[in-house]
PDB file of N, CA and C in Angstrom:
ATOM      1  N   MET A   1      94.095 107.461 104.917  1.00  0.00           N
ATOM      2  CA  MET A   1      94.356 108.826 105.108  1.00  0.00           C
ATOM      3  C   MET A   1      95.293 108.821 106.192  1.00  0.00           C
ATOM      4  N   THR A   2      96.267 110.025 106.057  1.00  0.00           N
ATOM      5  CA  THR A   2      97.350 110.325 106.948  1.00  0.00           C
ATOM      6  C   THR A   2      97.229 111.589 107.645  1.00  0.00           C
ATOM      7  N   THR A   3      97.508 111.626 108.830  1.00  0.00           N
ATOM      8  CA  THR A   3      97.504 112.779 109.615  1.00  0.00           C
ATOM      9  C   THR A   3      98.942 113.351 109.976  1.00  0.00           C
ATOM     10  N   VAL A   4      99.200 114.592 109.788  1.00  0.00           N
ATOM     11  CA  VAL A   4     100.610 115.165 109.765  1.00  0.00           C
ATOM     12  C   VAL A   4     100.407 116.325 110.932  1.00  0.00           C
ATOM     13  N   ARG A   5     101.359 116.347 111.832  1.00  0.00           N
ATOM     14  CA  ARG A   5     101.334 117.386 112.906  1.00  0.00           C
ATOM     15  C   ARG A   5     102.548 118.314 112.448  1.00  0.00           C
ATOM     16  N   LEU A   6     102.095 119.486 112.332  1.00  0.00           N
ATOM     17  CA  LEU A   6     103.002 120.644 111.903  1.00  0.00           C
ATOM     18  C   LEU A   6     103.354 121.692 113.026  1.00  0.00           C
ATOM     19  N   ASN A   7     104.574 122.059 113.118  1.00  0.00           N
ATOM     20  CA  ASN A   7     104.856 123.231 114.069  1.00  0.00           C
ATOM     21  C   ASN A   7     104.309 124.638 113.478  1.00  0.00           C
ATOM     22  N   GLU A   8     104.347 125.629 114.322  1.00  0.00           N
ATOM     23  CA  GLU A   8     103.564 126.857 113.911  1.00  0.00           C
ATOM     24  C   GLU A   8     104.382 127.450 112.612  1.00  0.00           C
ATOM     25  N   GLU A   9     105.683 127.277 112.605  1.00  0.00           N
ATOM     26  CA  GLU A   9     106.468 127.879 111.503  1.00  0.00           C
ATOM     27  C   GLU A   9     105.952 127.199 110.132  1.00  0.00           C
ATOM     28  N   ILE A  10     105.962 126.061 109.993  1.00  0.00           N
ATOM     29  CA  ILE A  10     105.561 125.228 108.845  1.00  0.00           C
ATOM     30  C   ILE A  10     103.983 125.611 108.468  1.00  0.00           C
ATOM     31  N   ASP A  11     103.310 125.579 109.539  1.00  0.00           N
ATOM     32  CA  ASP A  11     101.731 125.826 109.320  1.00  0.00           C
ATOM     33  C   ASP A  11     101.575 127.285 108.702  1.00  0.00           C
ATOM     34  N   SER A  12     102.357 128.108 109.309  1.00  0.00           N
ATOM     35  CA  SER A  12     102.112 129.504 108.862  1.00  0.00           C
ATOM     36  C   SER A  12     102.613 129.714 107.397  1.00  0.00           C
ATOM     37  N   LYS A  13     103.689 129.059 106.957  1.00  0.00           N
ATOM     38  CA  LYS A  13     104.156 129.002 105.689  1.00  0.00           C
ATOM     39  C   LYS A  13     103.047 128.280 104.787  1.00  0.00           C
ATOM     40  N   ILE A  14     102.530 127.329 105.226  1.00  0.00           N
ATOM     41  CA  ILE A  14     101.366 126.710 104.462  1.00  0.00           C
ATOM     42  C   ILE A  14     100.253 127.636 104.260  1.00  0.00           C
ATOM     43  N   THR A  15     100.033 128.288 105.336  1.00  0.00           N
ATOM     44  CA  THR A  15      98.859 129.400 105.174  1.00  0.00           C
ATOM     45  C   THR A  15      99.052 130.503 104.129  1.00  0.00           C
ATOM     46  N   VAL A  16     100.402 130.916 104.101  1.00  0.00           N
ATOM     47  CA  VAL A  16     100.808 131.888 103.030  1.00  0.00           C
ATOM     48  C   VAL A  16     100.597 131.192 101.851  1.00  0.00           C
ATOM     49  N   LEU A  17     101.159 130.234 101.616  1.00  0.00           N
ATOM     50  CA  LEU A  17     101.070 129.450 100.100  1.00  0.00           C
ATOM     51  C   LEU A  17      99.407 129.335  99.812  1.00  0.00           C
ATOM     52  N   VAL A  18      98.630 128.907 100.797  1.00  0.00           N
ATOM     53  CA  VAL A  18      97.290 128.750 100.569  1.00  0.00           C
ATOM     54  C   VAL A  18      96.637 129.938 100.124  1.00  0.00           C
ATOM     55  N   ASP A  19      96.955 131.117 100.603  1.00  0.00           N
ATOM     56  CA  ASP A  19      96.439 132.337 100.247  1.00  0.00           C
ATOM     57  C   ASP A  19      96.875 132.656  98.842  1.00  0.00           C
ATOM     58  N   LEU A  20      98.222 132.512  98.603  1.00  0.00           N
ATOM     59  CA  LEU A  20      98.874 132.904  97.208  1.00  0.00           C
ATOM     60  C   LEU A  20      98.252 132.076  96.172  1.00  0.00           C
ATOM     61  N   GLU A  21      98.000 130.731  96.368  1.00  0.00           N
ATOM     62  CA  GLU A  21      97.645 129.889  95.306  1.00  0.00           C
ATOM     63  C   GLU A  21      96.150 129.663  95.263  1.00  0.00           C
ATOM     64  N   LYS A  22      95.528 130.126  96.258  1.00  0.00           N
ATOM     65  CA  LYS A  22      93.949 130.006  96.266  1.00  0.00           C
ATOM     66  C   LYS A  22      93.514 128.534  96.234  1.00  0.00           C
ATOM     67  N   THR A  23      94.217 127.711  97.149  1.00  0.00           N
ATOM     68  CA  THR A  23      93.984 126.294  97.181  1.00  0.00           C
ATOM     69  C   THR A  23      93.859 125.877  98.642  1.00  0.00           C
ATOM     70  N   SER A  24      93.640 124.601  98.791  1.00  0.00           N
ATOM     71  CA  SER A  24      93.695 124.083 100.265  1.00  0.00           C
ATOM     72  C   SER A  24      95.103 123.769 100.657  1.00  0.00           C
ATOM     73  N   LYS A  25      95.146 123.475 102.108  1.00  0.00           N
ATOM     74  CA  LYS A  25      96.460 122.981 102.673  1.00  0.00           C
ATOM     75  C   LYS A  25      96.604 121.709 102.181  1.00  0.00           C
ATOM     76  N   SER A  26      95.671 120.771 102.051  1.00  0.00           N
ATOM     77  CA  SER A  26      95.863 119.495 101.567  1.00  0.00           C
ATOM     78  C   SER A  26      96.553 119.472 100.262  1.00  0.00           C
ATOM     79  N   GLU A  27      96.084 120.371  99.238  1.00  0.00           N
ATOM     80  CA  GLU A  27      96.613 120.355  97.821  1.00  0.00           C
ATOM     81  C   GLU A  27      98.151 120.799  97.891  1.00  0.00           C
ATOM     82  N   ILE A  28      98.459 121.763  98.851  1.00  0.00           N
ATOM     83  CA  ILE A  28      99.898 122.209  99.028  1.00  0.00           C
ATOM     84  C   ILE A  28     100.714 121.175  99.438  1.00  0.00           C
ATOM     85  N   ILE A  29     100.293 120.364 100.516  1.00  0.00           N
ATOM     86  CA  ILE A  29     100.993 119.258 100.979  1.00  0.00           C
ATOM     87  C   ILE A  29     101.239 118.089 100.002  1.00  0.00           C
ATOM     88  N   LYS A  30     100.141 117.877  99.131  1.00  0.00           N
ATOM     89  CA  LYS A  30     100.312 116.835  98.184  1.00  0.00           C
ATOM     90  C   LYS A  30     101.283 117.266  97.257  1.00  0.00           C
ATOM     91  N   LYS A  31     101.260 118.516  96.691  1.00  0.00           N
ATOM     92  CA  LYS A  31     102.201 118.903  95.662  1.00  0.00           C
ATOM     93  C   LYS A  31     103.569 118.860  96.222  1.00  0.00           C
ATOM     94  N   ALA A  32     103.713 119.252  97.509  1.00  0.00           N
ATOM     95  CA  ALA A  32     105.069 119.167  98.070  1.00  0.00           C
ATOM     96  C   ALA A  32     105.566 117.698  98.191  1.00  0.00           C
ATOM     97  N   ILE A  33     104.836 116.976  98.582  1.00  0.00           N
ATOM     98  CA  ILE A  33     105.281 115.443  98.574  1.00  0.00           C
ATOM     99  C   ILE A  33     105.632 114.879  97.271  1.00  0.00           C
ATOM    100  N   LEU A  34     104.802 115.256  96.124  1.00  0.00           N
ATOM    101  CA  LEU A  34     105.058 114.849  94.728  1.00  0.00           C
ATOM    102  C   LEU A  34     106.428 115.416  94.323  1.00  0.00           C
ATOM    103  N   GLU A  35     106.665 116.748  94.645  1.00  0.00           N
ATOM    104  CA  GLU A  35     107.900 117.288  94.177  1.00  0.00           C
ATOM    105  C   GLU A  35     109.064 116.730  94.927  1.00  0.00           C
ATOM    106  N   TYR A  36     108.893 116.587  96.152  1.00  0.00           N
ATOM    107  CA  TYR A  36     110.027 115.767  96.977  1.00  0.00           C
ATOM    108  C   TYR A  36     110.460 114.414  96.285  1.00  0.00           C
ATOM    109  N   TYR A  37     109.124 113.537  96.109  1.00  0.00           N
ATOM    110  CA  TYR A  37     109.462 112.283  95.488  1.00  0.00           C
ATOM    111  C   TYR A  37     110.124 112.486  94.088  1.00  0.00           C
ATOM    112  N   ASP A  38     109.639 113.323  93.149  1.00  0.00           N
ATOM    113  CA  ASP A  38     110.333 113.517  91.818  1.00  0.00           C
ATOM    114  C   ASP A  38     111.717 113.936  92.176  1.00  0.00           C
ATOM    115  N   HIS A  39     112.071 114.651  93.073  1.00  0.00           N
ATOM    116  CA  HIS A  39     113.397 115.207  93.197  1.00  0.00           C
ATOM    117  C   HIS A  39     114.381 114.030  93.781  1.00  0.00           C
ATOM    118  N   HIS A  40     113.831 113.226  94.713  1.00  0.00           N
ATOM    119  CA  HIS A  40     114.673 112.057  95.170  1.00  0.00           C
ATOM    120  C   HIS A  40     114.691 110.749  94.502  1.00  0.00           C
ATOM    121  N   ILE A  41     113.450 110.398  93.771  1.00  0.00           N
ATOM    122  CA  ILE A  41     113.273 109.284  93.217  1.00  0.00           C
ATOM    123  C   ILE A  41     113.004 109.291  91.722  1.00  0.00           C
ATOM    124  N   GLY A  42     112.128 110.218  91.388  1.00  0.00           N
ATOM    125  CA  GLY A  42     111.571 110.271  89.932  1.00  0.00           C
ATOM    126  C   GLY A  42     112.757 110.645  88.920  1.00  0.00           C
ATOM    127  N   SER A  43     113.720 111.284  89.415  1.00  0.00           N
ATOM    128  CA  SER A  43     114.937 111.694  88.419  1.00  0.00           C
ATOM    129  C   SER A  43     116.019 110.722  88.396  1.00  0.00           C
ATOM    130  N   ARG A  44     115.889 109.651  89.317  1.00  0.00           N
ATOM    131  CA  ARG A  44     116.903 108.624  89.224  1.00  0.00           C
ATOM    132  C   ARG A  44     116.580 107.691  88.152  1.00  0.00           C
ATOM    133  N   THR A  45     117.665 107.110  87.532  1.00  0.00           N
ATOM    134  CA  THR A  45     117.585 106.069  86.385  1.00  0.00           C
ATOM    135  C   THR A  45     117.408 104.770  87.156  1.00  0.00           C
ATOM    136  N   ALA A  46     117.039 103.927  86.307  1.00  0.00           N
ATOM    137  CA  ALA A  46     116.826 102.396  86.816  1.00  0.00           C
ATOM    138  C   ALA A  46     118.165 101.854  87.277  1.00  0.00           C
ATOM    139  N   PHE A  47     119.308 102.298  86.769  1.00  0.00           N
ATOM    140  CA  PHE A  47     120.572 101.843  87.285  1.00  0.00           C
ATOM    141  C   PHE A  47     120.844 102.495  88.575  1.00  0.00           C
ATOM    142  N   GLU A  48     120.625 103.645  88.701  1.00  0.00           N
ATOM    143  CA  GLU A  48     120.924 104.442  90.085  1.00  0.00           C
ATOM    144  C   GLU A  48     120.007 103.735  91.076  1.00  0.00           C
ATOM    145  N   LEU A  49     118.784 103.422  90.825  1.00  0.00           N
ATOM    146  CA  LEU A  49     117.912 102.842  91.835  1.00  0.00           C
ATOM    147  C   LEU A  49     118.425 101.403  92.221  1.00  0.00           C
ATOM    148  N   GLY A  50     119.079 100.512  91.376  1.00  0.00           N
ATOM    149  CA  GLY A  50     119.383  99.347  91.707  1.00  0.00           C
ATOM    150  C   GLY A  50     121.002  99.174  91.711  1.00  0.00           C
ATOM    151  N   LYS A  51     121.639 100.152  91.552  1.00  0.00           N
ATOM    152  CA  LYS A  51     123.074  99.963  91.636  1.00  0.00           C
ATOM    153  C   LYS A  51     123.823  99.145  92.822  1.00  0.00           C
ATOM    154  N   ASP A  52     123.224  99.299  93.866  1.00  0.00           N
ATOM    155  CA  ASP A  52     123.610  98.416  95.024  1.00  0.00           C
ATOM    156  C   ASP A  52     123.360  96.985  94.860  1.00  0.00           C
ATOM    157  N   LEU A  53     122.697  96.685  93.920  1.00  0.00           N
ATOM    158  CA  LEU A  53     122.466  95.178  93.571  1.00  0.00           C
ATOM    159  C   LEU A  53     123.348  94.708  92.432  1.00  0.00           C
ATOM    160  N   PHE A  54     123.720  95.577  91.589  1.00  0.00           N
ATOM    161  CA  PHE A  54     124.580  95.305  90.172  1.00  0.00           C
ATOM    162  C   PHE A  54     126.007  94.918  90.727  1.00  0.00           C
ATOM    163  N   GLY A  55     126.569  93.935  90.203  1.00  0.00           N
ATOM    164  CA  GLY A  55     127.794  93.457  90.435  1.00  0.00           C
ATOM    165  C   GLY A  55     128.046  92.932  91.762  1.00  0.00           C
ATOM    166  N   LYS A  56     126.881  92.464  92.383  1.00  0.00           N
ATOM    167  CA  LYS A  56     127.042  92.033  93.719  1.00  0.00           C
ATOM    168  C   LYS A  56     127.840  90.623  93.841  1.00  0.00           C
ATOM    169  N   TYR A  57     127.895  89.822  92.707  1.00  0.00           N
ATOM    170  CA  TYR A  57     128.437  88.545  92.750  1.00  0.00           C
ATOM    171  C   TYR A  57     129.607  88.398  91.781  1.00  0.00           C
ATOM    172  N   GLY A  58     130.237  89.694  91.724  1.00  0.00           N
ATOM    173  CA  GLY A  58     131.419  89.663  90.809  1.00  0.00           C
ATOM    174  C   GLY A  58     131.571  91.056  90.074  1.00  0.00           C
ATOM    175  N   ASP A  59     132.799  91.245  89.565  1.00  0.00           N
ATOM    176  CA  ASP A  59     132.901  92.562  89.032  1.00  0.00           C
ATOM    177  C   ASP A  59     133.708  92.455  87.746  1.00  0.00           C
ATOM    178  N   ALA A  60     133.565  91.292  87.100  1.00  0.00           N
ATOM    179  CA  ALA A  60     134.169  91.050  85.773  1.00  0.00           C
ATOM    180  C   ALA A  60     133.526  91.934  84.734  1.00  0.00           C
ATOM    181  N   GLU A  61     134.344  92.788  84.281  1.00  0.00           N
ATOM    182  CA  GLU A  61     133.754  93.734  83.271  1.00  0.00           C
ATOM    183  C   GLU A  61     133.457  92.887  81.695  1.00  0.00           C
ATOM    184  N   ASP A  62     134.071  91.858  81.437  1.00  0.00           N
ATOM    185  CA  ASP A  62     134.118  91.248  80.150  1.00  0.00           C
ATOM    186  C   ASP A  62     133.201  90.037  80.383  1.00  0.00           C
ATOM    187  N   LEU A  63     132.405  89.834  81.355  1.00  0.00           N
ATOM    188  CA  LEU A  63     131.466  88.832  81.612  1.00  0.00           C
ATOM    189  C   LEU A  63     130.492  88.641  80.394  1.00  0.00           C
ATOM    190  N   SER A  64     129.969  89.684  79.956  1.00  0.00           N
ATOM    191  CA  SER A  64     128.973  89.654  78.811  1.00  0.00           C
ATOM    192  C   SER A  64     129.515  88.902  77.636  1.00  0.00           C
ATOM    193  N   SER A  65     130.742  89.181  77.492  1.00  0.00           N
ATOM    194  CA  SER A  65     131.342  88.613  76.117  1.00  0.00           C
ATOM    195  C   SER A  65     132.244  87.500  76.302  1.00  0.00           C
ATOM    196  N   THR A  66     132.480  86.946  77.537  1.00  0.00           N
ATOM    197  CA  THR A  66     133.272  85.808  77.738  1.00  0.00           C
ATOM    198  C   THR A  66     132.548  84.680  78.469  1.00  0.00           C
ATOM    199  N   TYR A  67     131.103  85.017  78.605  1.00  0.00           N
ATOM    200  CA  TYR A  67     130.384  84.075  79.621  1.00  0.00           C
ATOM    201  C   TYR A  67     130.567  82.542  79.142  1.00  0.00           C
ATOM    202  N   LYS A  68     130.418  82.265  77.827  1.00  0.00           N
ATOM    203  CA  LYS A  68     130.354  80.839  77.370  1.00  0.00           C
ATOM    204  C   LYS A  68     131.676  80.138  77.847  1.00  0.00           C
ATOM    205  N   LYS A  69     132.877  80.875  77.481  1.00  0.00           N
ATOM    206  CA  LYS A  69     134.114  80.259  77.911  1.00  0.00           C
ATOM    207  C   LYS A  69     134.203  80.019  79.383  1.00  0.00           C
ATOM    208  N   LYS A  70     133.745  81.054  80.325  1.00  0.00           N
ATOM    209  CA  LYS A  70     133.689  80.908  81.713  1.00  0.00           C
ATOM    210  C   LYS A  70     132.802  79.810  82.118  1.00  0.00           C
ATOM    211  N   LEU A  71     131.693  79.668  81.596  1.00  0.00           N
ATOM    212  CA  LEU A  71     130.846  78.520  81.748  1.00  0.00           C
ATOM    213  C   LEU A  71     131.432  77.185  81.549  1.00  0.00           C
ATOM    214  N   MET A  72     132.060  77.004  80.403  1.00  0.00           N
ATOM    215  CA  MET A  72     132.779  75.828  80.019  1.00  0.00           C
ATOM    216  C   MET A  72     133.652  75.501  80.923  1.00  0.00           C
ATOM    217  N   ASP A  73     134.694  76.444  81.354  1.00  0.00           N
ATOM    218  CA  ASP A  73     135.694  76.204  82.291  1.00  0.00           C
ATOM    219  C   ASP A  73     135.326  75.753  83.585  1.00  0.00           C
ATOM    220  N   LYS A  74     134.075  76.203  84.261  1.00  0.00           N
ATOM    221  CA  LYS A  74     133.588  75.958  85.386  1.00  0.00           C
ATOM    222  C   LYS A  74     133.009  74.441  85.296  1.00  0.00           C
ATOM    223  N   LEU A  75     132.321  74.240  84.212  1.00  0.00           N
ATOM    224  CA  LEU A  75     131.722  72.734  83.977  1.00  0.00           C
ATOM    225  C   LEU A  75     132.962  71.691  83.866  1.00  0.00           C
ATOM    226  N   ASN A  76     133.959  72.012  83.164  1.00  0.00           N
ATOM    227  CA  ASN A  76     134.935  71.181  83.121  1.00  0.00           C
ATOM    228  C   ASN A  76     135.733  70.873  84.497  1.00  0.00           C
ATOM    229  N   GLU A  77     135.865  72.077  85.122  1.00  0.00           N
ATOM    230  CA  GLU A  77     136.436  71.828  86.564  1.00  0.00           C
ATOM    231  C   GLU A  77     135.552  70.866  87.375  1.00  0.00           C
ATOM    232  N   LYS A  78     134.213  71.131  87.233  1.00  0.00           N
ATOM    233  CA  LYS A  78     133.382  70.182  88.069  1.00  0.00           C
ATOM    234  C   LYS A  78     133.310  68.821  87.670  1.00  0.00           C
ATOM    235  N   HIS A  79     133.578  68.466  86.308  1.00  0.00           N
ATOM    236  CA  HIS A  79     133.234  67.118  85.878  1.00  0.00           C
ATOM    237  C   HIS A  79     134.493  66.639  85.485  1.00  0.00           C
ATOM    238  N   SER A  80     135.739  67.047  85.725  1.00  0.00           N
ATOM    239  CA  SER A  80     136.973  66.449  85.174  1.00  0.00           C
ATOM    240  C   SER A  80     137.601  65.611  86.446  1.00  0.00           C
ATOM    241  N   HIS A  81     136.870  64.884  87.055  1.00  0.00           N
ATOM    242  CA  HIS A  81     137.546  64.141  88.263  1.00  0.00           C
ATOM    243  C   HIS A  81     138.704  63.162  87.744  1.00  0.00           C
TER     244      HIS A  81
END
Protein backbone atom coordinates (compact mmCIF):
# COMPACT_ATOMS: atom_id res chain seq x y z
CA MET A 1 0.00 0.00 0.00
CA THR A 2 1.18 3.51 -0.78
CA THR A 3 0.25 6.75 0.92
CA VAL A 4 0.24 9.98 -1.04
CA ARG A 5 0.15 13.48 0.42
CA LEU A 6 -1.69 15.96 -1.76
CA ASN A 7 -1.86 19.71 -1.50
CA GLU A 8 -5.27 21.39 -1.25
CA GLU A 9 -5.44 22.30 -4.93
CA ILE A 10 -4.91 18.72 -6.15
CA ASP A 11 -7.20 17.31 -3.46
CA SER A 12 -10.03 19.64 -4.48
CA LYS A 13 -9.56 18.69 -8.14
CA ILE A 14 -9.77 15.02 -7.24
CA THR A 15 -12.92 15.72 -5.22
CA VAL A 16 -14.51 17.32 -8.30
CA LEU A 17 -13.59 14.24 -10.37
CA VAL A 18 -15.00 11.94 -7.69
CA ASP A 19 -18.33 13.77 -7.86
CA LEU A 20 -18.38 13.75 -11.68
CA GLU A 21 -17.38 10.12 -12.10
CA LYS A 22 -19.26 8.79 -9.06
CA THR A 23 -16.22 6.83 -7.91
CA SER A 24 -13.58 6.95 -5.17
CA LYS A 25 -10.41 8.99 -4.86
CA SER A 26 -8.42 5.77 -5.06
CA GLU A 27 -9.96 4.91 -8.42
CA ILE A 28 -9.25 8.39 -9.81
CA ILE A 29 -5.61 8.17 -8.67
CA LYS A 30 -5.23 4.63 -10.11
CA LYS A 31 -6.60 5.78 -13.47
CA ALA A 32 -4.29 8.80 -13.45
CA ILE A 33 -1.23 6.65 -12.79
CA LEU A 34 -2.18 4.19 -15.55
CA GLU A 35 -2.68 7.03 -18.04
CA TYR A 36 0.64 8.57 -17.01
CA TYR A 37 2.38 5.22 -17.46
CA ASP A 38 0.79 4.61 -20.86
CA HIS A 39 1.77 8.08 -22.01
CA HIS A 40 5.40 7.77 -20.89
CA ILE A 41 6.16 4.08 -21.24
CA GLY A 42 3.27 2.21 -22.82
CA SER A 43 3.43 3.99 -26.16
CA ARG A 44 7.19 3.53 -26.57
CA THR A 45 8.46 0.80 -28.84
CA ALA A 46 10.96 -1.80 -27.70
CA PHE A 47 13.64 0.05 -29.66
CA GLU A 48 12.85 3.34 -27.91
CA LEU A 49 13.04 1.67 -24.50
CA GLY A 50 16.47 0.15 -25.22
CA LYS A 51 17.99 2.61 -27.67
CA ASP A 52 20.65 3.71 -25.20
CA LEU A 53 21.89 0.09 -25.18
CA PHE A 54 21.91 -0.49 -28.95
CA GLY A 55 25.09 0.27 -30.85
CA LYS A 56 26.96 0.61 -27.60
CA TYR A 57 29.90 -1.42 -28.87
CA GLY A 58 30.15 -0.03 -32.35
CA ASP A 59 28.18 1.69 -35.02
CA ALA A 60 28.94 -0.38 -38.10
CA GLU A 61 25.77 -0.29 -40.15
CA ASP A 62 26.71 -3.30 -42.30
CA LEU A 63 27.65 -5.55 -39.40
CA SER A 64 24.73 -7.90 -39.94
CA SER A 65 25.74 -8.60 -43.54
CA THR A 66 29.54 -8.71 -43.08
CA TYR A 67 29.89 -10.31 -39.68
CA LYS A 68 31.49 -13.51 -41.03
CA LYS A 69 34.24 -11.61 -42.84
CA LYS A 70 34.86 -9.37 -39.81
CA LEU A 71 35.06 -12.43 -37.56
CA MET A 72 37.50 -14.21 -39.87
CA ASP A 73 39.68 -11.08 -40.08
CA LYS A 74 39.81 -10.85 -36.28
CA LEU A 75 40.63 -14.54 -35.91
CA ASN A 76 43.36 -14.31 -38.56
CA GLU A 77 44.88 -11.27 -36.80
CA LYS A 78 44.90 -13.12 -33.51
CA HIS A 79 46.38 -16.38 -34.82
CA SER A 80 48.80 -15.17 -37.49
CA HIS A 81 51.87 -14.76 -35.26
